[in-house]
Amino acid sequence: MSHRTGHIADDNLARLGSAMQALVTGYGSTPPAQTALQAWNLSRHIGAMTRWGKNLHAGRDWQALHSRILVLEGNALIDAGDTASGIRALTHAEAVAELIGDWPTIAHAHAVRAMAARALERWQTALDLAREGQRYAGSSPVAVMLALGEASARARLGDTVGTVSTVGRAQELMDRLPTDAHGTPAYSLDSYHPTLFATMAASVLVLARQTYAAAPFLSEARERVGDSATSGGLTPLVHIVAADAALSRTRVDVEEAEQHVTNAVAASAGRPAAWVGAEVAHLAAQAARHGADWSDLVELTSAWDGSRQ
């Protein structure tokens, strides 16, 4: 390998790595179908360079970059509503990561696959994936994500005691993360922010109908997110969780829930995602049992499923 060829490879690696980071940074403000397409194009380039990189004795760096962009692509596809393609990308990511022993990336792919299984209402599969992923995660930030994914699956399976216990374990993992592993509230492949933790812990506990236990987490999430431009797309999720809480309390407040859902839809207008539509439909069905009609919100967000476009 010539010195010049080595420099070309290094420059390409840096350039494509920067392109991936730009997609990660813009994840919370870009329509997921658009991110998925951009990630797919980038994955093709990185995949080609991976094959070249083997000849340059730099294959590991290229494989690492390739597996991470595949995780990003899979996440975006699932957010866009194309769950089957997303799972394929994540399975590919795990295969690439395994070649170089990149265990945190395998763990992250497991976490997203567990999220996809929950969206498909395959609760036991989600639980199995989240628990298996923790074997790869170690003490990395994705361990927190996986513990919360496990708790969410337990909540759906009706295991209230296990849900609360697992949220407690996730809290311990979060507390042990160094501050430089918090990153920002935005989407990340390498960090887990306290704002995201508070939001997801509240979500899980509301799912388990433990609204009293969820209240401090939800209050913290709402305070942290506020109207901040750095919330990384968390605003819709916080409103969805707050709406679910309002419909799950002993004294149901349909008006409060409707306001939160309306706010979630408004906050998602620039980044329509399939999961928002699914949550709106689910909450609307709950509200209908109390005489509310949110059909306009359901109709609006049902078109956000990119797999139907």
C-alpha atoms as a PDB file:
ATOM      1  CA  MET A   1       0.000   0.000   0.000  1.00  0.00           C
ATOM      2  CA  SER A   2       1.433   3.366  -1.020  1.00  0.00           C
ATOM      3  CA  HIS A   3       1.630   6.295   1.376  1.00  0.00           C
ATOM      4  CA  ARG A   4      -0.681   8.285  -0.909  1.00  0.00           C
ATOM      5  CA  THR A   5      -3.269   5.490  -1.059  1.00  0.00           C
ATOM      6  CA  GLY A   6      -3.260   5.303   2.735  1.00  0.00           C
ATOM      7  CA  HIS A   7      -3.975   9.027   2.963  1.00  0.00           C
ATOM      8  CA  ILE A   8      -6.850   8.693   0.495  1.00  0.00           C
ATOM      9  CA  ALA A   9      -8.356   5.909   2.615  1.00  0.00           C
ATOM     10  CA  ASP A  10      -7.984   7.952   5.809  1.00  0.00           C
ATOM     11  CA  ASP A  11      -9.546  11.004   4.153  1.00  0.00           C
ATOM     12  CA  ASN A  12     -12.485   8.947   2.891  1.00  0.00           C
ATOM     13  CA  LEU A  13     -12.997   7.391   6.315  1.00  0.00           C
ATOM     14  CA  ALA A  14     -13.019  10.825   7.960  1.00  0.00           C
ATOM     15  CA  ARG A  15     -15.335  12.276   5.314  1.00  0.00           C
ATOM     16  CA  LEU A  16     -17.880   9.466   5.545  1.00  0.00           C
ATOM     17  CA  GLY A  17     -17.647   9.475   9.331  1.00  0.00           C
ATOM     18  CA  SER A  18     -18.479  13.196   9.337  1.00  0.00           C
ATOM     19  CA  ALA A  19     -21.399  12.550   6.982  1.00  0.00           C
ATOM     20  CA  MET A  20     -22.763   9.929   9.374  1.00  0.00           C
ATOM     21  CA  GLN A  21     -22.382  12.275  12.332  1.00  0.00           C
ATOM     22  CA  ALA A  22     -24.325  14.941  10.439  1.00  0.00           C
ATOM     23  CA  LEU A  23     -27.200  12.469  10.034  1.00  0.00           C
ATOM     24  CA  VAL A  24     -27.062  11.633  13.748  1.00  0.00           C
ATOM     25  CA  THR A  25     -27.036  15.316  14.714  1.00  0.00           C
ATOM     26  CA  GLY A  26     -29.987  16.097  12.478  1.00  0.00           C
ATOM     27  CA  TYR A  27     -31.977  12.983  13.383  1.00  0.00           C
ATOM     28  CA  GLY A  28     -34.465  14.714  15.652  1.00  0.00           C
ATOM     29  CA  SER A  29     -35.338  17.402  13.117  1.00  0.00           C
ATOM     30  CA  THR A  30     -35.343  15.411   9.851  1.00  0.00           C
ATOM     31  CA  PRO A  31     -38.235  13.273   8.549  1.00  0.00           C
ATOM     32  CA  PRO A  32     -37.212   9.672   9.297  1.00  0.00           C
ATOM     33  CA  ALA A  33     -37.840   8.495   5.727  1.00  0.00           C
ATOM     34  CA  GLN A  34     -35.352  11.100   4.538  1.00  0.00           C
ATOM     35  CA  THR A  35     -32.776  10.055   7.130  1.00  0.00           C
ATOM     36  CA  ALA A  36     -33.262   6.410   6.160  1.00  0.00           C
ATOM     37  CA  LEU A  37     -32.640   7.158   2.484  1.00  0.00           C
ATOM     38  CA  GLN A  38     -29.537   9.226   3.231  1.00  0.00           C
ATOM     39  CA  ALA A  39     -28.222   6.538   5.579  1.00  0.00           C
ATOM     40  CA  TRP A  40     -28.826   3.855   2.939  1.00  0.00           C
ATOM     41  CA  ASN A  41     -26.837   5.822   0.366  1.00  0.00           C
ATOM     42  CA  LEU A  42     -24.052   6.360   2.873  1.00  0.00           C
ATOM     43  CA  SER A  43     -24.117   2.672   3.805  1.00  0.00           C
ATOM     44  CA  ARG A  44     -23.544   1.722   0.166  1.00  0.00           C
ATOM     45  CA  HIS A  45     -20.449   3.933  -0.010  1.00  0.00           C
ATOM     46  CA  ILE A  46     -19.130   2.686   3.316  1.00  0.00           C
ATOM     47  CA  GLY A  47     -19.791  -0.931   2.353  1.00  0.00           C
ATOM     48  CA  ALA A  48     -17.762  -0.463  -0.837  1.00  0.00           C
ATOM     49  CA  MET A  49     -14.930   1.149   1.099  1.00  0.00           C
ATOM     50  CA  THR A  50     -15.048  -1.670   3.653  1.00  0.00           C
ATOM     51  CA  ARG A  51     -14.110  -4.130   0.928  1.00  0.00           C
ATOM     52  CA  TRP A  52     -11.315  -1.813  -0.192  1.00  0.00           C
ATOM     53  CA  GLY A  53     -10.267  -1.280   3.405  1.00  0.00           C
ATOM     54  CA  LYS A  54      -9.520  -4.970   3.844  1.00  0.00           C
ATOM     55  CA  ASN A  55      -6.754  -4.624   1.280  1.00  0.00           C
ATOM     56  CA  LEU A  56      -5.455  -1.552   3.095  1.00  0.00           C
ATOM     57  CA  HIS A  57      -5.295  -3.316   6.471  1.00  0.00           C
ATOM     58  CA  ALA A  58      -7.807  -0.769   7.733  1.00  0.00           C
ATOM     59  CA  GLY A  59     -10.848  -3.000   7.632  1.00  0.00           C
ATOM     60  CA  ARG A  60     -11.710  -2.659  11.310  1.00  0.00           C
ATOM     61  CA  ASP A  61     -12.298   1.098  11.124  1.00  0.00           C
ATOM     62  CA  TRP A  62     -14.470   0.697   8.046  1.00  0.00           C
ATOM     63  CA  GLN A  63     -16.443  -2.181   9.590  1.00  0.00           C
ATOM     64  CA  ALA A  64     -17.047  -0.125  12.736  1.00  0.00           C
ATOM     65  CA  LEU A  65     -18.349   2.800  10.698  1.00  0.00           C
ATOM     66  CA  HIS A  66     -20.457   0.507   8.541  1.00  0.00           C
ATOM     67  CA  SER A  67     -22.151  -1.219  11.492  1.00  0.00           C
ATOM     68  CA  ARG A  68     -23.010   2.112  13.106  1.00  0.00           C
ATOM     69  CA  ILE A  69     -24.560   3.616   9.976  1.00  0.00           C
ATOM     70  CA  LEU A  70     -26.609   0.423   9.587  1.00  0.00           C
ATOM     71  CA  VAL A  71     -27.960   0.895  13.127  1.00  0.00           C
ATOM     72  CA  LEU A  72     -28.872   4.476  12.244  1.00  0.00           C
ATOM     73  CA  GLU A  73     -30.519   3.320   9.017  1.00  0.00           C
ATOM     74  CA  GLY A  74     -32.488   0.630  10.841  1.00  0.00           C
ATOM     75  CA  ASN A  75     -33.700   3.064  13.481  1.00  0.00           C
ATOM     76  CA  ALA A  76     -34.811   5.578  10.857  1.00  0.00           C
ATOM     77  CA  LEU A  77     -36.631   2.923   8.819  1.00  0.00           C
ATOM     78  CA  ILE A  78     -38.555   1.807  11.896  1.00  0.00           C
ATOM     79  CA  ASP A  79     -39.402   5.420  12.738  1.00  0.00           C
ATOM     80  CA  ALA A  80     -40.653   5.787   9.156  1.00  0.00           C
ATOM     81  CA  GLY A  81     -42.912   2.768   9.550  1.00  0.00           C
ATOM     82  CA  ASP A  82     -40.901   0.277   7.481  1.00  0.00           C
ATOM     83  CA  THR A  83     -40.222  -2.103  10.351  1.00  0.00           C
ATOM     84  CA  ALA A  84     -39.295  -5.144   8.235  1.00  0.00           C
ATOM     85  CA  SER A  85     -36.560  -3.259   6.361  1.00  0.00           C
ATOM     86  CA  GLY A  86     -35.392  -1.709   9.610  1.00  0.00           C
ATOM     87  CA  ILE A  87     -34.952  -5.097  11.243  1.00  0.00           C
ATOM     88  CA  ARG A  88     -32.996  -6.334   8.213  1.00  0.00           C
ATOM     89  CA  ALA A  89     -30.622  -3.373   8.483  1.00  0.00           C
ATOM     90  CA  LEU A  90     -30.155  -4.000  12.215  1.00  0.00           C
ATOM     91  CA  THR A  91     -29.470  -7.698  11.680  1.00  0.00           C
ATOM     92  CA  HIS A  92     -26.861  -6.729   9.085  1.00  0.00           C
ATOM     93  CA  ALA A  93     -25.363  -4.250  11.560  1.00  0.00           C
ATOM     94  CA  GLU A  94     -24.975  -6.975  14.168  1.00  0.00           C
ATOM     95  CA  ALA A  95     -23.281  -9.305  11.685  1.00  0.00           C
ATOM     96  CA  VAL A  96     -20.772  -6.610  10.699  1.00  0.00           C
ATOM     97  CA  ALA A  97     -20.140  -5.581  14.308  1.00  0.00           C
ATOM     98  CA  GLU A  98     -19.580  -9.191  15.368  1.00  0.00           C
ATOM     99  CA  LEU A  99     -16.728  -9.504  12.878  1.00  0.00           C
ATOM    100  CA  ILE A 100     -14.716  -6.952  14.869  1.00  0.00           C
ATOM    101  CA  GLY A 101     -16.082  -7.599  18.353  1.00  0.00           C
ATOM    102  CA  ASP A 102     -17.928  -4.285  18.541  1.00  0.00           C
ATOM    103  CA  TRP A 103     -20.195  -5.326  21.406  1.00  0.00           C
ATOM    104  CA  PRO A 104     -21.803  -1.910  22.190  1.00  0.00           C
ATOM    105  CA  THR A 105     -23.013  -1.643  18.586  1.00  0.00           C
ATOM    106  CA  ILE A 106     -24.515  -5.134  18.789  1.00  0.00           C
ATOM    107  CA  ALA A 107     -26.180  -4.093  22.039  1.00  0.00           C
ATOM    108  CA  HIS A 108     -27.568  -0.941  20.420  1.00  0.00           C
ATOM    109  CA  ALA A 109     -28.962  -2.950  17.504  1.00  0.00           C
ATOM    110  CA  HIS A 110     -30.644  -5.273  20.009  1.00  0.00           C
ATOM    111  CA  ALA A 111     -32.178  -2.257  21.760  1.00  0.00           C
ATOM    112  CA  VAL A 112     -33.688  -0.950  18.530  1.00  0.00           C
ATOM    113  CA  ARG A 113     -34.893  -4.424  17.508  1.00  0.00           C
ATOM    114  CA  ALA A 114     -36.592  -4.691  20.907  1.00  0.00           C
ATOM    115  CA  MET A 115     -38.257  -1.331  20.247  1.00  0.00           C
ATOM    116  CA  ALA A 116     -39.487  -2.646  16.898  1.00  0.00           C
ATOM    117  CA  ALA A 117     -40.844  -5.805  18.533  1.00  0.00           C
ATOM    118  CA  ARG A 118     -42.774  -3.677  21.029  1.00  0.00           C
ATOM    119  CA  ALA A 119     -44.253  -1.679  18.141  1.00  0.00           C
ATOM    120  CA  LEU A 120     -45.400  -4.988  16.619  1.00  0.00           C
ATOM    121  CA  GLU A 121     -46.880  -5.998  20.005  1.00  0.00           C
ATOM    122  CA  ARG A 122     -44.465  -8.909  20.288  1.00  0.00           C
ATOM    123  CA  TRP A 123     -43.845  -8.297  23.965  1.00  0.00           C
ATOM    124  CA  GLN A 124     -41.995 -11.532  24.794  1.00  0.00           C
ATOM    125  CA  THR A 125     -39.676 -11.073  21.803  1.00  0.00           C
ATOM    126  CA  ALA A 126     -38.987  -7.526  22.963  1.00  0.00           C
ATOM    127  CA  LEU A 127     -38.173  -8.779  26.452  1.00  0.00           C
ATOM    128  CA  ASP A 128     -35.850 -11.492  25.129  1.00  0.00           C
ATOM    129  CA  LEU A 129     -33.998  -9.030  22.861  1.00  0.00           C
ATOM    130  CA  ALA A 130     -33.592  -6.450  25.623  1.00  0.00           C
ATOM    131  CA  ARG A 131     -32.246  -9.022  28.071  1.00  0.00           C
ATOM    132  CA  GLU A 132     -29.893 -10.562  25.503  1.00  0.00           C
ATOM    133  CA  GLY A 133     -28.633  -7.117  24.482  1.00  0.00           C
ATOM    134  CA  GLN A 134     -27.567  -6.401  28.044  1.00  0.00           C
ATOM    135  CA  ARG A 135     -25.042  -9.234  27.792  1.00  0.00           C
ATOM    136  CA  TYR A 136     -23.224  -7.167  25.151  1.00  0.00           C
ATOM    137  CA  ALA A 137     -23.753  -3.707  26.651  1.00  0.00           C
ATOM    138  CA  GLY A 138     -21.549  -3.903  29.734  1.00  0.00           C
ATOM    139  CA  SER A 139     -21.552  -0.510  31.444  1.00  0.00           C
ATOM    140  CA  SER A 140     -21.949   1.470  28.207  1.00  0.00           C
ATOM    141  CA  PRO A 141     -24.786   4.022  27.858  1.00  0.00           C
ATOM    142  CA  VAL A 142     -26.847   1.603  25.768  1.00  0.00           C
ATOM    143  CA  ALA A 143     -27.150  -0.588  28.878  1.00  0.00           C
ATOM    144  CA  VAL A 144     -29.561   2.039  30.253  1.00  0.00           C
ATOM    145  CA  MET A 145     -31.563   1.996  27.024  1.00  0.00           C
ATOM    146  CA  LEU A 146     -31.791  -1.793  27.135  1.00  0.00           C
ATOM    147  CA  ALA A 147     -32.854  -1.898  30.799  1.00  0.00           C
ATOM    148  CA  LEU A 148     -35.671   0.544  30.042  1.00  0.00           C
ATOM    149  CA  GLY A 149     -36.595  -1.538  26.999  1.00  0.00           C
ATOM    150  CA  GLU A 150     -36.799  -4.589  29.250  1.00  0.00           C
ATOM    151  CA  ALA A 151     -38.977  -2.664  31.712  1.00  0.00           C
ATOM    152  CA  SER A 152     -41.305  -1.562  28.908  1.00  0.00           C
ATOM    153  CA  ALA A 153     -41.754  -5.143  27.712  1.00  0.00           C
ATOM    154  CA  ARG A 154     -42.418  -6.298  31.277  1.00  0.00           C
ATOM    155  CA  ALA A 155     -45.059  -3.584  31.630  1.00  0.00           C
ATOM    156  CA  ARG A 156     -46.807  -4.818  28.496  1.00  0.00           C
ATOM    157  CA  LEU A 157     -46.663  -8.389  29.797  1.00  0.00           C
ATOM    158  CA  GLY A 158     -48.371  -7.309  33.024  1.00  0.00           C
ATOM    159  CA  ASP A 159     -45.308  -7.824  35.243  1.00  0.00           C
ATOM    160  CA  THR A 160     -45.717  -4.729  37.423  1.00  0.00           C
ATOM    161  CA  VAL A 161     -43.230  -5.775  40.097  1.00  0.00           C
ATOM    162  CA  GLY A 162     -40.627  -6.643  37.464  1.00  0.00           C
ATOM    163  CA  THR A 163     -41.251  -3.347  35.677  1.00  0.00           C
ATOM    164  CA  VAL A 164     -40.680  -1.229  38.770  1.00  0.00           C
ATOM    165  CA  SER A 165     -37.618  -3.277  39.751  1.00  0.00           C
ATOM    166  CA  THR A 166     -36.094  -2.962  36.274  1.00  0.00           C
ATOM    167  CA  VAL A 167     -36.652   0.803  36.197  1.00  0.00           C
ATOM    168  CA  GLY A 168     -34.765   0.917  39.503  1.00  0.00           C
ATOM    169  CA  ARG A 169     -31.899  -1.035  37.952  1.00  0.00           C
ATOM    170  CA  ALA A 170     -31.907   1.322  34.966  1.00  0.00           C
ATOM    171  CA  GLN A 171     -31.684   4.249  37.392  1.00  0.00           C
ATOM    172  CA  GLU A 172     -28.627   2.665  39.019  1.00  0.00           C
ATOM    173  CA  LEU A 173     -26.993   2.203  35.610  1.00  0.00           C
ATOM    174  CA  MET A 174     -27.804   5.810  34.697  1.00  0.00           C
ATOM    175  CA  ASP A 175     -26.371   7.094  37.967  1.00  0.00           C
ATOM    176  CA  ARG A 176     -23.117   5.250  37.299  1.00  0.00           C
ATOM    177  CA  LEU A 177     -22.614   6.779  33.854  1.00  0.00           C
ATOM    178  CA  PRO A 178     -19.920   9.482  33.813  1.00  0.00           C
ATOM    179  CA  THR A 179     -21.231  12.887  32.798  1.00  0.00           C
ATOM    180  CA  ASP A 180     -19.293  12.769  29.533  1.00  0.00           C
ATOM    181  CA  ALA A 181     -21.451   9.772  28.559  1.00  0.00           C
ATOM    182  CA  HIS A 182     -24.623  11.864  28.857  1.00  0.00           C
ATOM    183  CA  GLY A 183     -24.104  13.729  25.602  1.00  0.00           C
ATOM    184  CA  THR A 184     -27.100  15.872  24.666  1.00  0.00           C
ATOM    185  CA  PRO A 185     -30.837  15.069  24.680  1.00  0.00           C
ATOM    186  CA  ALA A 186     -30.604  14.532  20.927  1.00  0.00           C
ATOM    187  CA  TYR A 187     -30.435  11.132  19.219  1.00  0.00           C
ATOM    188  CA  SER A 188     -27.088   9.450  19.769  1.00  0.00           C
ATOM    189  CA  LEU A 189     -25.277   6.183  19.156  1.00  0.00           C
ATOM    190  CA  ASP A 190     -22.852   6.777  22.018  1.00  0.00           C
ATOM    191  CA  SER A 191     -24.585   8.471  24.945  1.00  0.00           C
ATOM    192  CA  TYR A 192     -27.711   8.516  27.103  1.00  0.00           C
ATOM    193  CA  HIS A 193     -28.959  11.822  28.475  1.00  0.00           C
ATOM    194  CA  PRO A 194     -30.796  12.320  31.807  1.00  0.00           C
ATOM    195  CA  THR A 195     -33.656  14.002  29.938  1.00  0.00           C
ATOM    196  CA  LEU A 196     -34.163  10.900  27.821  1.00  0.00           C
ATOM    197  CA  PHE A 197     -33.922   8.714  30.901  1.00  0.00           C
ATOM    198  CA  ALA A 198     -36.588  10.705  32.767  1.00  0.00           C
ATOM    199  CA  THR A 199     -38.876  10.588  29.730  1.00  0.00           C
ATOM    200  CA  MET A 200     -38.511   6.863  29.159  1.00  0.00           C
ATOM    201  CA  ALA A 201     -38.771   5.981  32.866  1.00  0.00           C
ATOM    202  CA  ALA A 202     -42.023   7.950  33.034  1.00  0.00           C
ATOM    203  CA  SER A 203     -43.281   6.232  29.887  1.00  0.00           C
ATOM    204  CA  VAL A 204     -42.560   2.759  31.252  1.00  0.00           C
ATOM    205  CA  LEU A 205     -44.185   3.422  34.625  1.00  0.00           C
ATOM    206  CA  VAL A 206     -47.284   4.909  32.995  1.00  0.00           C
ATOM    207  CA  LEU A 207     -47.515   1.785  30.820  1.00  0.00           C
ATOM    208  CA  ALA A 208     -47.491  -0.251  34.031  1.00  0.00           C
ATOM    209  CA  ARG A 209     -50.235   2.064  35.355  1.00  0.00           C
ATOM    210  CA  GLN A 210     -47.939   3.240  38.125  1.00  0.00           C
ATOM    211  CA  THR A 211     -48.818   6.887  37.542  1.00  0.00           C
ATOM    212  CA  TYR A 212     -47.842   7.970  41.049  1.00  0.00           C
ATOM    213  CA  ALA A 213     -44.341   6.527  40.619  1.00  0.00           C
ATOM    214  CA  ALA A 214     -44.144   8.012  37.123  1.00  0.00           C
ATOM    215  CA  ALA A 215     -45.072  11.530  38.244  1.00  0.00           C
ATOM    216  CA  PRO A 216     -41.627  12.749  39.387  1.00  0.00           C
ATOM    217  CA  PHE A 217     -39.956  11.400  36.245  1.00  0.00           C
ATOM    218  CA  LEU A 218     -42.571  13.023  34.033  1.00  0.00           C
ATOM    219  CA  SER A 219     -42.272  16.315  35.913  1.00  0.00           C
ATOM    220  CA  GLU A 220     -38.496  16.235  35.450  1.00  0.00           C
ATOM    221  CA  ALA A 221     -38.821  15.409  31.754  1.00  0.00           C
ATOM    222  CA  ARG A 222     -41.272  18.263  31.161  1.00  0.00           C
ATOM    223  CA  GLU A 223     -39.055  20.684  33.043  1.00  0.00           C
ATOM    224  CA  ARG A 224     -35.916  19.592  31.204  1.00  0.00           C
ATOM    225  CA  VAL A 225     -37.486  19.661  27.744  1.00  0.00           C
ATOM    226  CA  GLY A 226     -39.607  22.786  28.050  1.00  0.00           C
ATOM    227  CA  ASP A 227     -39.366  24.736  24.832  1.00  0.00           C
ATOM    228  CA  SER A 228     -35.678  24.011  24.418  1.00  0.00           C
ATOM    229  CA  ALA A 229     -34.399  23.793  20.865  1.00  0.00           C
ATOM    230  CA  THR A 230     -31.859  21.227  22.109  1.00  0.00           C
ATOM    231  CA  SER A 231     -34.477  18.699  23.182  1.00  0.00           C
ATOM    232  CA  GLY A 232     -33.574  16.558  20.187  1.00  0.00           C
ATOM    233  CA  GLY A 233     -37.131  15.711  19.187  1.00  0.00           C
ATOM    234  CA  LEU A 234     -38.125  14.624  22.706  1.00  0.00           C
ATOM    235  CA  THR A 235     -40.940  17.172  22.994  1.00  0.00           C
ATOM    236  CA  PRO A 236     -43.533  14.997  21.169  1.00  0.00           C
ATOM    237  CA  LEU A 237     -42.652  11.969  23.291  1.00  0.00           C
ATOM    238  CA  VAL A 238     -42.966  13.918  26.537  1.00  0.00           C
ATOM    239  CA  HIS A 239     -46.423  15.122  25.486  1.00  0.00           C
ATOM    240  CA  ILE A 240     -47.473  11.586  24.511  1.00  0.00           C
ATOM    241  CA  VAL A 241     -46.392  10.254  27.919  1.00  0.00           C
ATOM    242  CA  ALA A 242     -48.193  13.122  29.678  1.00  0.00           C
ATOM    243  CA  ALA A 243     -51.363  12.371  27.693  1.00  0.00           C
ATOM    244  CA  ASP A 244     -51.166   8.690  28.597  1.00  0.00           C
ATOM    245  CA  ALA A 245     -50.712   9.631  32.249  1.00  0.00           C
ATOM    246  CA  ALA A 246     -53.759  11.916  32.137  1.00  0.00           C
ATOM    247  CA  LEU A 247     -55.858   9.039  30.787  1.00  0.00           C
ATOM    248  CA  SER A 248     -54.455   6.514  33.274  1.00  0.00           C
ATOM    249  CA  ARG A 249     -54.963   8.365  36.547  1.00  0.00           C
ATOM    250  CA  THR A 250     -57.821   7.512  38.891  1.00  0.00           C
ATOM    251  CA  ARG A 251     -59.415  10.791  37.871  1.00  0.00           C
ATOM    252  CA  VAL A 252     -59.137  10.738  34.098  1.00  0.00           C
ATOM    253  CA  ASP A 253     -58.589  14.153  32.507  1.00  0.00           C
ATOM    254  CA  VAL A 254     -59.556  13.846  28.848  1.00  0.00           C
ATOM    255  CA  GLU A 255     -59.138  17.567  28.148  1.00  0.00           C
ATOM    256  CA  GLU A 256     -55.590  17.586  29.490  1.00  0.00           C
ATOM    257  CA  ALA A 257     -54.785  14.482  27.453  1.00  0.00           C
ATOM    258  CA  GLU A 258     -56.201  16.020  24.283  1.00  0.00           C
ATOM    259  CA  GLN A 259     -54.115  19.165  24.764  1.00  0.00           C
ATOM    260  CA  HIS A 260     -50.963  17.082  25.173  1.00  0.00           C
ATOM    261  CA  VAL A 261     -51.729  15.000  22.083  1.00  0.00           C
ATOM    262  CA  THR A 262     -52.425  18.163  20.091  1.00  0.00           C
ATOM    263  CA  ASN A 263     -49.094  19.584  21.258  1.00  0.00           C
ATOM    264  CA  ALA A 264     -47.322  16.338  20.330  1.00  0.00           C
ATOM    265  CA  VAL A 265     -48.772  16.439  16.820  1.00  0.00           C
ATOM    266  CA  ALA A 266     -47.835  20.106  16.400  1.00  0.00           C
ATOM    267  CA  ALA A 267     -44.290  19.449  17.612  1.00  0.00           C
ATOM    268  CA  SER A 268     -43.989  16.546  15.144  1.00  0.00           C
ATOM    269  CA  ALA A 269     -45.180  18.435  12.083  1.00  0.00           C
ATOM    270  CA  GLY A 270     -41.649  19.024  10.830  1.00  0.00           C
ATOM    271  CA  ARG A 271     -40.672  15.405  11.464  1.00  0.00           C
ATOM    272  CA  PRO A 272     -43.688  13.153  10.944  1.00  0.00           C
ATOM    273  CA  ALA A 273     -42.943   9.696  12.334  1.00  0.00           C
ATOM    274  CA  ALA A 274     -44.932   6.468  12.273  1.00  0.00           C
ATOM    275  CA  TRP A 275     -44.634   5.976  16.020  1.00  0.00           C
ATOM    276  CA  VAL A 276     -46.440   9.277  16.659  1.00  0.00           C
ATOM    277  CA  GLY A 277     -49.371   8.165  14.516  1.00  0.00           C
ATOM    278  CA  ALA A 278     -49.513   4.829  16.329  1.00  0.00           C
ATOM    279  CA  GLU A 279     -49.494   6.509  19.735  1.00  0.00           C
ATOM    280  CA  VAL A 280     -52.168   9.022  18.725  1.00  0.00           C
ATOM    281  CA  ALA A 281     -54.426   6.201  17.514  1.00  0.00           C
ATOM    282  CA  HIS A 282     -53.857   4.242  20.721  1.00  0.00           C
ATOM    283  CA  LEU A 283     -54.592   7.232  22.969  1.00  0.00           C
ATOM    284  CA  ALA A 284     -57.615   8.209  20.878  1.00  0.00           C
ATOM    285  CA  ALA A 285     -59.068   4.737  21.470  1.00  0.00           C
ATOM    286  CA  GLN A 286     -58.575   5.199  25.207  1.00  0.00           C
ATOM    287  CA  ALA A 287     -60.172   8.663  25.104  1.00  0.00           C
ATOM    288  CA  ALA A 288     -63.139   7.338  23.110  1.00  0.00           C
ATOM    289  CA  ARG A 289     -64.076   5.192  26.090  1.00  0.00           C
ATOM    290  CA  HIS A 290     -64.670   8.465  27.927  1.00  0.00           C
ATOM    291  CA  GLY A 291     -66.731  10.003  25.143  1.00  0.00           C
ATOM    292  CA  ALA A 292     -63.975  11.951  23.349  1.00  0.00           C
ATOM    293  CA  ASP A 293     -63.610  12.115  19.570  1.00  0.00           C
ATOM    294  CA  TRP A 294     -60.055  12.661  18.325  1.00  0.00           C
ATOM    295  CA  SER A 295     -60.701  11.366  14.805  1.00  0.00           C
ATOM    296  CA  ASP A 296     -59.212  14.515  13.249  1.00  0.00           C
ATOM    297  CA  LEU A 297     -55.881  13.914  14.988  1.00  0.00           C
ATOM    298  CA  VAL A 298     -55.937  10.231  14.083  1.00  0.00           C
ATOM    299  CA  GLU A 299     -56.665  11.000  10.440  1.00  0.00           C
ATOM    300  CA  LEU A 300     -53.878  13.570  10.277  1.00  0.00           C
ATOM    301  CA  THR A 301     -51.191  11.368  11.796  1.00  0.00           C
ATOM    302  CA  SER A 302     -52.209   8.112  10.107  1.00  0.00           C
ATOM    303  CA  ALA A 303     -50.601   9.490   6.941  1.00  0.00           C
ATOM    304  CA  TRP A 304     -47.234   9.624   8.750  1.00  0.00           C
ATOM    305  CA  ASP A 305     -46.580   5.932   8.264  1.00  0.00           C
ATOM    306  CA  GLY A 306     -43.880   6.049   5.606  1.00  0.00           C
ATOM    307  CA  SER A 307     -44.370   2.385   4.715  1.00  0.00           C
ATOM    308  CA  ARG A 308     -47.725   3.311   3.144  1.00  0.00           C
ATOM    309  CA  GLN A 309     -46.315   5.997   0.893  1.00  0.00           C
END
